[in-house]
């Protein structure tokens, strides 16, 4: 890594074990915008998880009466239709459903892909 070859990098390797120095150097070289995005994502997930523990679900912009999500899944008419994994940013459909529920699922997966870079597991 480029920063390890600098004066700061040499001081880091003298002060810390090599793996810790590399982690610090990686953090220093990381783009501040990307770091802020990760912090915002972490804050958003913590808020979502706290709401889930209280039994609350969030609504999507469309289909807001019948389509909701929490930290564990997406619910159409209070039935879990998509299992979410926020750590790996994956969404897995749980079976085949009616046309209306399928429309809800397609919309939810598209929104998760656009907003949080989720990928669908088939």
N, C-alpha and C. Protein backbone atom coordinates (compact mmCIF):
# COMPACT_ATOMS: atom_id res chain seq x y z
N UNK A 1 0.84 -1.17 0.00
CA UNK A 1 0.00 0.00 0.00
C UNK A 1 0.89 1.24 0.00
N UNK A 2 0.45 2.26 -0.70
CA UNK A 2 1.24 3.48 -0.89
C UNK A 2 1.56 4.20 0.41
N UNK A 3 0.60 4.27 1.31
CA UNK A 3 0.80 5.05 2.54
C UNK A 3 1.83 4.39 3.46
N UNK A 4 1.98 3.07 3.39
CA UNK A 4 2.98 2.38 4.22
C UNK A 4 4.39 2.80 3.81
N UNK A 5 4.56 3.16 2.53
CA UNK A 5 5.88 3.55 2.02
C UNK A 5 6.24 4.99 2.39
N UNK A 6 5.33 5.75 2.95
CA UNK A 6 5.60 7.13 3.33
C UNK A 6 6.21 7.18 4.73
N UNK A 7 6.62 8.38 5.13
CA UNK A 7 7.19 8.57 6.46
C UNK A 7 6.18 8.21 7.55
N UNK A 8 4.94 8.63 7.35
CA UNK A 8 3.90 8.30 8.32
C UNK A 8 3.74 6.78 8.41
N UNK A 9 3.78 6.11 7.28
CA UNK A 9 3.64 4.66 7.25
C UNK A 9 4.76 3.97 8.00
N UNK A 10 6.01 4.46 7.84
CA UNK A 10 7.14 3.87 8.57
C UNK A 10 6.99 4.04 10.07
N UNK A 11 6.51 5.21 10.49
CA UNK A 11 6.28 5.44 11.92
C UNK A 11 5.18 4.52 12.44
N UNK A 12 4.14 4.32 11.64
CA UNK A 12 3.06 3.42 12.05
C UNK A 12 3.58 2.00 12.24
N UNK A 13 4.42 1.53 11.31
CA UNK A 13 4.93 0.16 11.44
C UNK A 13 5.89 0.03 12.62
N UNK A 14 6.56 1.13 13.00
CA UNK A 14 7.43 1.08 14.17
C UNK A 14 6.64 1.07 15.47
N UNK A 15 5.50 1.77 15.48
CA UNK A 15 4.70 1.89 16.69
C UNK A 15 3.76 0.70 16.92
N UNK A 16 3.26 0.10 15.84
CA UNK A 16 2.25 -0.94 15.95
C UNK A 16 2.71 -2.20 15.23
N UNK A 17 2.10 -3.33 15.59
CA UNK A 17 2.36 -4.53 14.80
C UNK A 17 1.93 -4.29 13.35
N UNK A 18 2.47 -5.08 12.45
CA UNK A 18 2.26 -4.81 11.02
C UNK A 18 0.79 -4.81 10.61
N UNK A 19 0.00 -5.77 11.12
CA UNK A 19 -1.41 -5.83 10.72
C UNK A 19 -2.19 -4.61 11.23
N UNK A 20 -1.88 -4.13 12.42
CA UNK A 20 -2.55 -2.94 12.96
C UNK A 20 -2.13 -1.71 12.17
N UNK A 21 -0.85 -1.61 11.85
CA UNK A 21 -0.36 -0.48 11.06
C UNK A 21 -1.04 -0.46 9.70
N UNK A 22 -1.23 -1.62 9.11
CA UNK A 22 -1.89 -1.70 7.81
C UNK A 22 -3.34 -1.24 7.90
N UNK A 23 -4.04 -1.65 8.99
CA UNK A 23 -5.42 -1.22 9.18
C UNK A 23 -5.51 0.29 9.35
N UNK A 24 -4.60 0.87 10.12
CA UNK A 24 -4.59 2.33 10.32
C UNK A 24 -4.29 3.02 9.00
N UNK A 25 -3.32 2.52 8.25
CA UNK A 25 -2.97 3.12 6.96
C UNK A 25 -4.14 3.03 5.99
N UNK A 26 -4.84 1.91 6.00
CA UNK A 26 -6.02 1.76 5.14
C UNK A 26 -7.08 2.77 5.52
N UNK A 27 -7.29 2.96 6.83
CA UNK A 27 -8.27 3.94 7.29
C UNK A 27 -7.87 5.35 6.84
N UNK A 28 -6.59 5.69 6.94
CA UNK A 28 -6.14 7.02 6.54
C UNK A 28 -6.28 7.23 5.03
N UNK A 29 -6.07 6.18 4.25
CA UNK A 29 -6.14 6.30 2.81
C UNK A 29 -7.57 6.24 2.29
N UNK A 30 -8.51 5.79 3.12
CA UNK A 30 -9.90 5.65 2.70
C UNK A 30 -10.50 7.01 2.38
N UNK A 31 -11.39 7.02 1.41
CA UNK A 31 -12.07 8.23 1.01
C UNK A 31 -13.02 8.69 2.13
N UNK A 32 -12.94 9.95 2.55
CA UNK A 32 -13.82 10.43 3.64
C UNK A 32 -15.31 10.29 3.31
N UNK A 33 -15.68 10.48 2.03
CA UNK A 33 -17.08 10.32 1.63
C UNK A 33 -17.54 8.88 1.85
N UNK A 34 -16.69 7.93 1.49
CA UNK A 34 -17.02 6.52 1.67
C UNK A 34 -17.14 6.19 3.15
N UNK A 35 -16.24 6.73 3.96
CA UNK A 35 -16.27 6.50 5.41
C UNK A 35 -17.56 7.05 6.00
N UNK A 36 -17.96 8.26 5.56
CA UNK A 36 -19.19 8.87 6.07
C UNK A 36 -20.39 8.02 5.67
N UNK A 37 -20.38 7.48 4.44
CA UNK A 37 -21.46 6.62 3.98
C UNK A 37 -21.59 5.37 4.84
N UNK A 38 -20.46 4.78 5.22
CA UNK A 38 -20.49 3.59 6.08
C UNK A 38 -21.04 3.93 7.46
N UNK A 39 -20.66 5.10 7.98
CA UNK A 39 -21.16 5.51 9.30
C UNK A 39 -22.65 5.78 9.25
N UNK A 40 -23.13 6.42 8.17
CA UNK A 40 -24.56 6.68 8.03
C UNK A 40 -25.33 5.37 7.92
N UNK A 41 -24.79 4.40 7.18
CA UNK A 41 -25.43 3.10 7.02
C UNK A 41 -25.52 2.40 8.37
N UNK A 42 -24.43 2.45 9.14
CA UNK A 42 -24.41 1.81 10.46
C UNK A 42 -25.44 2.45 11.38
N UNK A 43 -25.52 3.77 11.38
CA UNK A 43 -26.49 4.49 12.20
C UNK A 43 -27.92 4.13 11.79
N UNK A 44 -28.16 4.08 10.47
CA UNK A 44 -29.49 3.73 9.98
C UNK A 44 -29.87 2.33 10.43
N UNK A 45 -28.93 1.38 10.33
CA UNK A 45 -29.25 0.00 10.73
C UNK A 45 -29.50 -0.09 12.23
N UNK A 46 -28.72 0.61 13.03
CA UNK A 46 -28.93 0.58 14.48
C UNK A 46 -30.31 1.12 14.84
N UNK A 47 -30.74 2.19 14.15
CA UNK A 47 -32.06 2.76 14.38
C UNK A 47 -33.15 1.76 13.97
N UNK A 48 -32.95 1.12 12.82
CA UNK A 48 -33.91 0.13 12.34
C UNK A 48 -34.00 -1.05 13.29
N UNK A 49 -32.87 -1.51 13.78
CA UNK A 49 -32.85 -2.66 14.70
C UNK A 49 -33.54 -2.30 16.02
N UNK A 50 -33.31 -1.10 16.51
CA UNK A 50 -33.96 -0.67 17.76
C UNK A 50 -35.47 -0.63 17.58
N UNK A 51 -35.93 -0.13 16.43
CA UNK A 51 -37.37 -0.10 16.16
C UNK A 51 -37.93 -1.52 16.05
N UNK A 52 -37.16 -2.43 15.44
CA UNK A 52 -37.61 -3.81 15.31
C UNK A 52 -37.75 -4.47 16.67
N UNK A 53 -36.82 -4.20 17.58
CA UNK A 53 -36.90 -4.78 18.93
C UNK A 53 -38.16 -4.30 19.65
N UNK A 54 -38.64 -3.10 19.31
CA UNK A 54 -39.86 -2.58 19.92
C UNK A 54 -41.11 -3.07 19.21
N UNK A 55 -40.93 -3.85 18.12
CA UNK A 55 -42.07 -4.38 17.39
C UNK A 55 -42.60 -3.47 16.31
N UNK A 56 -41.82 -2.46 15.93
CA UNK A 56 -42.26 -1.51 14.91
C UNK A 56 -41.66 -1.87 13.56
N UNK A 57 -42.41 -1.56 12.50
CA UNK A 57 -41.95 -1.81 11.13
C UNK A 57 -41.97 -0.49 10.37
N UNK A 58 -41.07 -0.38 9.41
CA UNK A 58 -41.00 0.81 8.55
C UNK A 58 -41.84 0.57 7.29
N UNK A 59 -42.30 1.66 6.70
CA UNK A 59 -43.12 1.57 5.50
C UNK A 59 -42.31 2.01 4.28
N UNK A 60 -42.64 1.43 3.13
CA UNK A 60 -42.09 1.90 1.87
C UNK A 60 -42.93 3.07 1.39
N UNK A 61 -42.40 3.82 0.42
CA UNK A 61 -43.14 4.98 -0.11
C UNK A 61 -44.42 4.54 -0.84
N UNK A 62 -44.30 3.51 -1.66
CA UNK A 62 -45.48 2.98 -2.35
C UNK A 62 -46.00 1.78 -1.56
N UNK A 63 -47.24 1.48 -1.77
CA UNK A 63 -47.89 0.35 -1.09
C UNK A 63 -47.72 0.44 0.43
N UNK A 64 -47.75 1.65 0.96
CA UNK A 64 -47.41 1.85 2.38
C UNK A 64 -48.42 1.23 3.34
N UNK A 65 -49.64 0.95 2.89
CA UNK A 65 -50.60 0.31 3.79
C UNK A 65 -50.26 -1.14 4.05
N UNK A 66 -49.79 -1.83 3.00
CA UNK A 66 -49.64 -3.27 3.10
C UNK A 66 -48.22 -3.79 2.95
N UNK A 67 -47.24 -2.92 2.73
CA UNK A 67 -45.86 -3.35 2.52
C UNK A 67 -44.97 -2.67 3.54
N UNK A 68 -44.32 -3.47 4.39
CA UNK A 68 -43.47 -2.93 5.45
C UNK A 68 -42.21 -3.76 5.57
N UNK A 69 -41.21 -3.21 6.27
CA UNK A 69 -39.97 -3.96 6.49
C UNK A 69 -39.41 -3.64 7.85
N UNK A 70 -38.58 -4.56 8.34
CA UNK A 70 -37.85 -4.34 9.58
C UNK A 70 -36.45 -4.89 9.40
N UNK A 71 -35.73 -5.12 10.48
CA UNK A 71 -34.34 -5.55 10.38
C UNK A 71 -34.21 -6.99 9.87
N UNK A 72 -35.29 -7.74 9.85
CA UNK A 72 -35.20 -9.15 9.47
C UNK A 72 -35.87 -9.50 8.15
N UNK A 73 -36.85 -8.73 7.73
CA UNK A 73 -37.54 -9.10 6.51
C UNK A 73 -38.48 -8.03 5.99
N UNK A 74 -39.08 -8.37 4.85
CA UNK A 74 -40.10 -7.53 4.22
C UNK A 74 -41.42 -8.25 4.37
N UNK A 75 -42.48 -7.52 4.72
CA UNK A 75 -43.77 -8.10 5.01
C UNK A 75 -44.83 -7.51 4.10
N UNK A 76 -45.57 -8.38 3.44
CA UNK A 76 -46.71 -7.98 2.63
C UNK A 76 -47.95 -8.52 3.31
N UNK A 77 -48.87 -7.64 3.67
CA UNK A 77 -50.06 -8.04 4.42
C UNK A 77 -49.68 -8.82 5.68
N UNK A 78 -48.67 -8.36 6.39
CA UNK A 78 -48.20 -8.94 7.65
C UNK A 78 -47.64 -10.37 7.52
N UNK A 79 -47.34 -10.81 6.30
CA UNK A 79 -46.71 -12.10 6.06
C UNK A 79 -45.30 -11.85 5.55
N UNK A 80 -44.31 -12.48 6.16
CA UNK A 80 -42.93 -12.28 5.71
C UNK A 80 -42.75 -12.93 4.35
N UNK A 81 -42.35 -12.14 3.35
CA UNK A 81 -42.19 -12.65 1.99
C UNK A 81 -40.74 -12.57 1.52
N UNK A 82 -39.92 -11.75 2.18
CA UNK A 82 -38.50 -11.62 1.83
C UNK A 82 -37.68 -11.62 3.11
N UNK A 83 -36.66 -12.45 3.16
CA UNK A 83 -35.73 -12.50 4.29
C UNK A 83 -34.56 -11.59 3.96
N UNK A 84 -34.20 -10.69 4.89
CA UNK A 84 -33.11 -9.73 4.67
C UNK A 84 -31.90 -10.08 5.51
N UNK A 85 -30.73 -9.90 4.93
CA UNK A 85 -29.47 -10.04 5.65
C UNK A 85 -28.71 -8.73 5.45
N UNK A 86 -28.76 -7.85 6.44
CA UNK A 86 -28.16 -6.52 6.31
C UNK A 86 -26.65 -6.57 6.33
N UNK A 87 -26.07 -7.57 6.97
CA UNK A 87 -24.61 -7.67 7.03
C UNK A 87 -24.03 -7.94 5.64
N UNK A 88 -24.66 -8.88 4.92
CA UNK A 88 -24.18 -9.23 3.58
C UNK A 88 -24.94 -8.50 2.48
N UNK A 89 -25.95 -7.71 2.86
CA UNK A 89 -26.79 -6.96 1.94
C UNK A 89 -27.42 -7.88 0.89
N UNK A 90 -28.10 -8.90 1.37
CA UNK A 90 -28.78 -9.83 0.48
C UNK A 90 -30.25 -9.93 0.85
N UNK A 91 -31.06 -10.23 -0.16
CA UNK A 91 -32.50 -10.43 0.02
C UNK A 91 -32.88 -11.75 -0.63
N UNK A 92 -33.66 -12.56 0.09
CA UNK A 92 -34.09 -13.86 -0.43
C UNK A 92 -35.60 -13.95 -0.37
N UNK A 93 -36.20 -14.20 -1.54
CA UNK A 93 -37.66 -14.38 -1.60
C UNK A 93 -38.04 -15.69 -0.92
N UNK A 94 -39.15 -15.69 -0.23
CA UNK A 94 -39.61 -16.88 0.49
C UNK A 94 -40.81 -17.49 -0.22
N UNK A 95 -40.59 -18.05 -1.39
CA UNK A 95 -41.65 -18.75 -2.10
C UNK A 95 -42.33 -17.92 -3.17
N UNK A 96 -43.41 -18.49 -3.70
CA UNK A 96 -44.20 -17.83 -4.73
C UNK A 96 -45.51 -17.36 -4.11
N UNK A 97 -45.97 -16.19 -4.59
CA UNK A 97 -47.13 -15.58 -3.98
C UNK A 97 -48.10 -15.09 -5.05
N UNK A 98 -49.16 -14.45 -4.61
CA UNK A 98 -50.18 -13.91 -5.51
C UNK A 98 -49.59 -12.78 -6.35
N UNK A 99 -50.28 -12.37 -7.43
CA UNK A 99 -49.76 -11.27 -8.26
C UNK A 99 -49.54 -9.97 -7.48
N UNK A 100 -50.42 -9.65 -6.57
CA UNK A 100 -50.26 -8.41 -5.79
C UNK A 100 -49.04 -8.50 -4.88
N UNK A 101 -48.89 -9.61 -4.21
CA UNK A 101 -47.74 -9.78 -3.33
C UNK A 101 -46.45 -9.82 -4.14
N UNK A 102 -46.48 -10.44 -5.31
CA UNK A 102 -45.30 -10.45 -6.19
C UNK A 102 -44.92 -9.03 -6.61
N UNK A 103 -45.91 -8.20 -6.86
CA UNK A 103 -45.66 -6.79 -7.20
C UNK A 103 -45.00 -6.09 -6.00
N UNK A 104 -45.49 -6.36 -4.82
CA UNK A 104 -44.89 -5.80 -3.60
C UNK A 104 -43.43 -6.24 -3.47
N UNK A 105 -43.18 -7.53 -3.70
CA UNK A 105 -41.83 -8.06 -3.56
C UNK A 105 -40.87 -7.43 -4.58
N UNK A 106 -41.32 -7.32 -5.82
CA UNK A 106 -40.47 -6.71 -6.86
C UNK A 106 -40.14 -5.26 -6.50
N UNK A 107 -41.14 -4.53 -6.04
CA UNK A 107 -40.91 -3.13 -5.65
C UNK A 107 -39.92 -3.06 -4.48
N UNK A 108 -40.11 -3.91 -3.47
CA UNK A 108 -39.24 -3.89 -2.28
C UNK A 108 -37.80 -4.21 -2.66
N UNK A 109 -37.59 -5.22 -3.49
CA UNK A 109 -36.23 -5.59 -3.88
C UNK A 109 -35.59 -4.48 -4.71
N UNK A 110 -36.35 -3.86 -5.61
CA UNK A 110 -35.80 -2.74 -6.39
C UNK A 110 -35.39 -1.58 -5.49
N UNK A 111 -36.21 -1.26 -4.49
CA UNK A 111 -35.88 -0.17 -3.58
C UNK A 111 -34.65 -0.51 -2.74
N UNK A 112 -34.55 -1.74 -2.26
CA UNK A 112 -33.39 -2.15 -1.47
C UNK A 112 -32.11 -2.13 -2.32
N UNK A 113 -32.23 -2.51 -3.59
CA UNK A 113 -31.06 -2.45 -4.48
C UNK A 113 -30.63 -1.01 -4.71
N UNK A 114 -31.59 -0.13 -4.94
CA UNK A 114 -31.26 1.28 -5.21
C UNK A 114 -30.72 2.00 -3.98
N UNK A 115 -31.35 1.79 -2.84
CA UNK A 115 -31.00 2.56 -1.64
C UNK A 115 -29.82 1.98 -0.86
N UNK A 116 -29.74 0.66 -0.77
CA UNK A 116 -28.76 0.04 0.11
C UNK A 116 -27.83 -0.96 -0.58
N UNK A 117 -27.85 -1.02 -1.90
CA UNK A 117 -27.00 -1.93 -2.69
C UNK A 117 -27.20 -3.40 -2.33
N UNK A 118 -28.42 -3.78 -2.07
CA UNK A 118 -28.75 -5.18 -1.81
C UNK A 118 -28.67 -5.97 -3.10
N UNK A 119 -28.40 -7.27 -2.99
CA UNK A 119 -28.49 -8.17 -4.13
C UNK A 119 -29.47 -9.27 -3.77
N UNK A 120 -30.19 -9.73 -4.78
CA UNK A 120 -31.18 -10.78 -4.54
C UNK A 120 -30.54 -12.14 -4.70
N UNK A 121 -30.81 -13.01 -3.75
CA UNK A 121 -30.35 -14.40 -3.84
C UNK A 121 -31.51 -15.20 -4.43
N UNK A 122 -31.22 -15.90 -5.49
CA UNK A 122 -32.30 -16.68 -6.13
C UNK A 122 -32.22 -18.12 -5.75
